[in-house]
Amino acid sequence: MTPQPFTAAGVKALQAELNALSASDLQTQANLIKSDLSSWVNTNFTLDATQQAYLKSIDSRFMELAAALTGFAVENKLPVTLTVDGEPTTFKLIHLDDNITCDFSPNGFTATGTLEYVVTYQ
């Protein structure tokens, strides 16, 4: 996969590449996301030094949830988006917003919904 800028367009382009993968390659990427989201982001997005340092500083509890949700969304081809509000400042808030719904019935498993990362500078 081609490393993308960490922008809304870059996230969309990377998701298009992921969705074009074979089922086994897509599952491999989802597993990489779930096991080490930080490394996966560093590999698949072009981050500057400030972004790399910030990524390393994110609380592990946040990263564990983000990894689980993102890996699940990727393996089920659910949309993942990035929204950035404001211009870069010293205070940054990252919010995960999802409306993922799963069902299991006699017809099998289904997952619907979206996952959105919202970065707000204040």
C-alpha atoms as a PDB file:
ATOM      1  CA  MET A   1       0.000   0.000   0.000  1.00  0.00           C
ATOM      2  CA  THR A   2       1.087   3.536  -0.661  1.00  0.00           C
ATOM      3  CA  PRO A   3       1.665   5.716   2.430  1.00  0.00           C
ATOM      4  CA  GLN A   4      -0.892   8.524   2.476  1.00  0.00           C
ATOM      5  CA  PRO A   5      -0.926  11.942   4.128  1.00  0.00           C
ATOM      6  CA  PHE A   6      -2.768  11.984   7.459  1.00  0.00           C
ATOM      7  CA  THR A   7      -5.674  13.996   6.071  1.00  0.00           C
ATOM      8  CA  ALA A   8      -9.313  13.259   5.312  1.00  0.00           C
ATOM      9  CA  ALA A   9      -8.393  12.604   1.671  1.00  0.00           C
ATOM     10  CA  GLY A  10      -5.460  10.392   2.692  1.00  0.00           C
ATOM     11  CA  VAL A  11      -7.669   8.294   4.991  1.00  0.00           C
ATOM     12  CA  LYS A  12     -10.208   7.910   2.177  1.00  0.00           C
ATOM     13  CA  ALA A  13      -7.528   6.895  -0.336  1.00  0.00           C
ATOM     14  CA  LEU A  14      -6.020   4.353   2.050  1.00  0.00           C
ATOM     15  CA  GLN A  15      -9.439   2.890   2.773  1.00  0.00           C
ATOM     16  CA  ALA A  16     -10.028   2.468  -0.968  1.00  0.00           C
ATOM     17  CA  GLU A  17      -6.739   0.536  -1.190  1.00  0.00           C
ATOM     18  CA  LEU A  18      -7.697  -1.614   1.794  1.00  0.00           C
ATOM     19  CA  ASN A  19     -11.122  -2.399   0.368  1.00  0.00           C
ATOM     20  CA  ALA A  20      -9.515  -3.539  -2.903  1.00  0.00           C
ATOM     21  CA  LEU A  21      -7.386  -6.164  -1.118  1.00  0.00           C
ATOM     22  CA  SER A  22      -8.183  -9.856  -1.151  1.00  0.00           C
ATOM     23  CA  ALA A  23     -10.095 -11.128   1.878  1.00  0.00           C
ATOM     24  CA  SER A  24      -6.960 -12.679   3.390  1.00  0.00           C
ATOM     25  CA  ASP A  25      -4.807  -9.576   2.803  1.00  0.00           C
ATOM     26  CA  LEU A  26      -7.540  -7.371   4.266  1.00  0.00           C
ATOM     27  CA  GLN A  27      -7.699  -9.617   7.335  1.00  0.00           C
ATOM     28  CA  THR A  28      -3.914  -9.371   7.687  1.00  0.00           C
ATOM     29  CA  GLN A  29      -4.144  -5.566   7.690  1.00  0.00           C
ATOM     30  CA  ALA A  30      -7.008  -5.625  10.208  1.00  0.00           C
ATOM     31  CA  ASN A  31      -4.946  -7.885  12.481  1.00  0.00           C
ATOM     32  CA  LEU A  32      -1.966  -5.526  12.222  1.00  0.00           C
ATOM     33  CA  ILE A  33      -4.221  -2.603  13.161  1.00  0.00           C
ATOM     34  CA  LYS A  34      -5.639  -4.475  16.147  1.00  0.00           C
ATOM     35  CA  SER A  35      -2.240  -5.595  17.418  1.00  0.00           C
ATOM     36  CA  ASP A  36      -0.309  -2.319  17.002  1.00  0.00           C
ATOM     37  CA  LEU A  37      -2.271   0.636  15.647  1.00  0.00           C
ATOM     38  CA  SER A  38       0.581   3.068  16.252  1.00  0.00           C
ATOM     39  CA  SER A  39       3.020   1.108  14.075  1.00  0.00           C
ATOM     40  CA  TRP A  40       0.380   0.574  11.414  1.00  0.00           C
ATOM     41  CA  VAL A  41      -0.339   4.329  11.275  1.00  0.00           C
ATOM     42  CA  ASN A  42       3.404   5.090  11.030  1.00  0.00           C
ATOM     43  CA  THR A  43       3.748   2.623   8.161  1.00  0.00           C
ATOM     44  CA  ASN A  44       0.675   3.656   6.186  1.00  0.00           C
ATOM     45  CA  PHE A  45       0.612   7.433   6.654  1.00  0.00           C
ATOM     46  CA  THR A  46       3.299  10.034   6.066  1.00  0.00           C
ATOM     47  CA  LEU A  47       3.657  11.742   9.438  1.00  0.00           C
ATOM     48  CA  ASP A  48       5.937  14.643  10.280  1.00  0.00           C
ATOM     49  CA  ALA A  49       8.068  14.571  13.428  1.00  0.00           C
ATOM     50  CA  THR A  50       5.440  16.406  15.477  1.00  0.00           C
ATOM     51  CA  GLN A  51       2.728  13.938  14.451  1.00  0.00           C
ATOM     52  CA  GLN A  52       4.987  10.976  15.223  1.00  0.00           C
ATOM     53  CA  ALA A  53       5.772  12.365  18.671  1.00  0.00           C
ATOM     54  CA  TYR A  54       2.092  13.003  19.363  1.00  0.00           C
ATOM     55  CA  LEU A  55       1.160   9.483  18.269  1.00  0.00           C
ATOM     56  CA  LYS A  56       3.670   8.073  20.766  1.00  0.00           C
ATOM     57  CA  SER A  57       2.172  10.209  23.554  1.00  0.00           C
ATOM     58  CA  ILE A  58      -1.433   8.998  23.203  1.00  0.00           C
ATOM     59  CA  ASP A  59      -2.690   7.104  26.242  1.00  0.00           C
ATOM     60  CA  SER A  60      -2.553   3.337  25.740  1.00  0.00           C
ATOM     61  CA  ARG A  61      -6.204   2.946  26.790  1.00  0.00           C
ATOM     62  CA  PHE A  62      -7.291   5.236  23.967  1.00  0.00           C
ATOM     63  CA  MET A  63      -5.070   3.377  21.503  1.00  0.00           C
ATOM     64  CA  GLU A  64      -6.450  -0.025  22.568  1.00  0.00           C
ATOM     65  CA  LEU A  65     -10.022   1.088  21.893  1.00  0.00           C
ATOM     66  CA  ALA A  66      -9.063   2.865  18.671  1.00  0.00           C
ATOM     67  CA  ALA A  67      -7.204  -0.246  17.479  1.00  0.00           C
ATOM     68  CA  ALA A  68     -10.138  -2.555  18.195  1.00  0.00           C
ATOM     69  CA  LEU A  69     -12.698  -0.265  16.547  1.00  0.00           C
ATOM     70  CA  THR A  70     -10.519   0.548  13.542  1.00  0.00           C
ATOM     71  CA  GLY A  71      -9.513  -3.067  12.953  1.00  0.00           C
ATOM     72  CA  PHE A  72     -13.142  -4.161  13.173  1.00  0.00           C
ATOM     73  CA  ALA A  73     -14.247  -1.414  10.775  1.00  0.00           C
ATOM     74  CA  VAL A  74     -11.493  -2.268   8.286  1.00  0.00           C
ATOM     75  CA  GLU A  75     -12.136  -6.025   8.305  1.00  0.00           C
ATOM     76  CA  ASN A  76     -15.851  -5.405   7.736  1.00  0.00           C
ATOM     77  CA  LYS A  77     -15.265  -2.686   5.107  1.00  0.00           C
ATOM     78  CA  LEU A  78     -17.091  -0.080   7.158  1.00  0.00           C
ATOM     79  CA  PRO A  79     -16.289   3.564   6.401  1.00  0.00           C
ATOM     80  CA  VAL A  80     -13.580   5.171   8.536  1.00  0.00           C
ATOM     81  CA  THR A  81     -13.285   8.937   8.241  1.00  0.00           C
ATOM     82  CA  LEU A  82     -11.096  11.700   9.612  1.00  0.00           C
ATOM     83  CA  THR A  83     -12.366  15.189  10.371  1.00  0.00           C
ATOM     84  CA  VAL A  84     -10.010  17.952  11.507  1.00  0.00           C
ATOM     85  CA  ASP A  85     -11.489  21.065  13.110  1.00  0.00           C
ATOM     86  CA  GLY A  86      -9.344  24.156  13.516  1.00  0.00           C
ATOM     87  CA  GLU A  87      -5.711  24.956  12.908  1.00  0.00           C
ATOM     88  CA  PRO A  88      -2.894  23.143  14.724  1.00  0.00           C
ATOM     89  CA  THR A  89      -2.274  24.475  18.227  1.00  0.00           C
ATOM     90  CA  THR A  90      -0.726  23.054  21.371  1.00  0.00           C
ATOM     91  CA  PHE A  91      -4.045  21.598  22.564  1.00  0.00           C
ATOM     92  CA  LYS A  92      -5.500  18.764  20.518  1.00  0.00           C
ATOM     93  CA  LEU A  93      -8.551  16.644  21.306  1.00  0.00           C
ATOM     94  CA  ILE A  94      -9.118  13.338  19.500  1.00  0.00           C
ATOM     95  CA  HIS A  95     -12.633  11.968  19.626  1.00  0.00           C
ATOM     96  CA  LEU A  96     -13.806   8.587  18.335  1.00  0.00           C
ATOM     97  CA  ASP A  97     -17.398   8.510  17.170  1.00  0.00           C
ATOM     98  CA  ASP A  98     -19.021   5.348  15.884  1.00  0.00           C
ATOM     99  CA  ASN A  99     -22.464   4.054  15.134  1.00  0.00           C
ATOM    100  CA  ILE A 100     -21.429   0.471  14.427  1.00  0.00           C
ATOM    101  CA  THR A 101     -24.177  -2.096  14.787  1.00  0.00           C
ATOM    102  CA  CYS A 102     -23.737  -5.867  14.579  1.00  0.00           C
ATOM    103  CA  ASP A 103     -26.365  -8.536  14.151  1.00  0.00           C
ATOM    104  CA  PHE A 104     -26.224 -12.292  14.142  1.00  0.00           C
ATOM    105  CA  SER A 105     -29.222 -14.149  12.789  1.00  0.00           C
ATOM    106  CA  PRO A 106     -29.951 -17.347  10.892  1.00  0.00           C
ATOM    107  CA  ASN A 107     -28.828 -15.406   7.815  1.00  0.00           C
ATOM    108  CA  GLY A 108     -25.389 -14.873   9.365  1.00  0.00           C
ATOM    109  CA  PHE A 109     -23.345 -11.974  10.728  1.00  0.00           C
ATOM    110  CA  THR A 110     -23.770  -8.398   9.535  1.00  0.00           C
ATOM    111  CA  ALA A 111     -22.018  -5.212  10.562  1.00  0.00           C
ATOM    112  CA  THR A 112     -23.096  -1.727   9.539  1.00  0.00           C
ATOM    113  CA  GLY A 113     -22.174   1.800  10.489  1.00  0.00           C
ATOM    114  CA  THR A 114     -19.196   4.127  10.432  1.00  0.00           C
ATOM    115  CA  LEU A 115     -16.195   5.098  12.523  1.00  0.00           C
ATOM    116  CA  GLU A 116     -15.081   8.722  12.614  1.00  0.00           C
ATOM    117  CA  TYR A 117     -11.945  10.222  14.100  1.00  0.00           C
ATOM    118  CA  VAL A 118     -12.491  13.880  14.936  1.00  0.00           C
ATOM    119  CA  VAL A 119      -9.412  15.956  15.726  1.00  0.00           C
ATOM    120  CA  THR A 120     -10.217  19.324  17.268  1.00  0.00           C
ATOM    121  CA  TYR A 121      -7.624  22.005  17.950  1.00  0.00           C
ATOM    122  CA  GLN A 122      -8.423  24.493  20.686  1.00  0.00           C
END
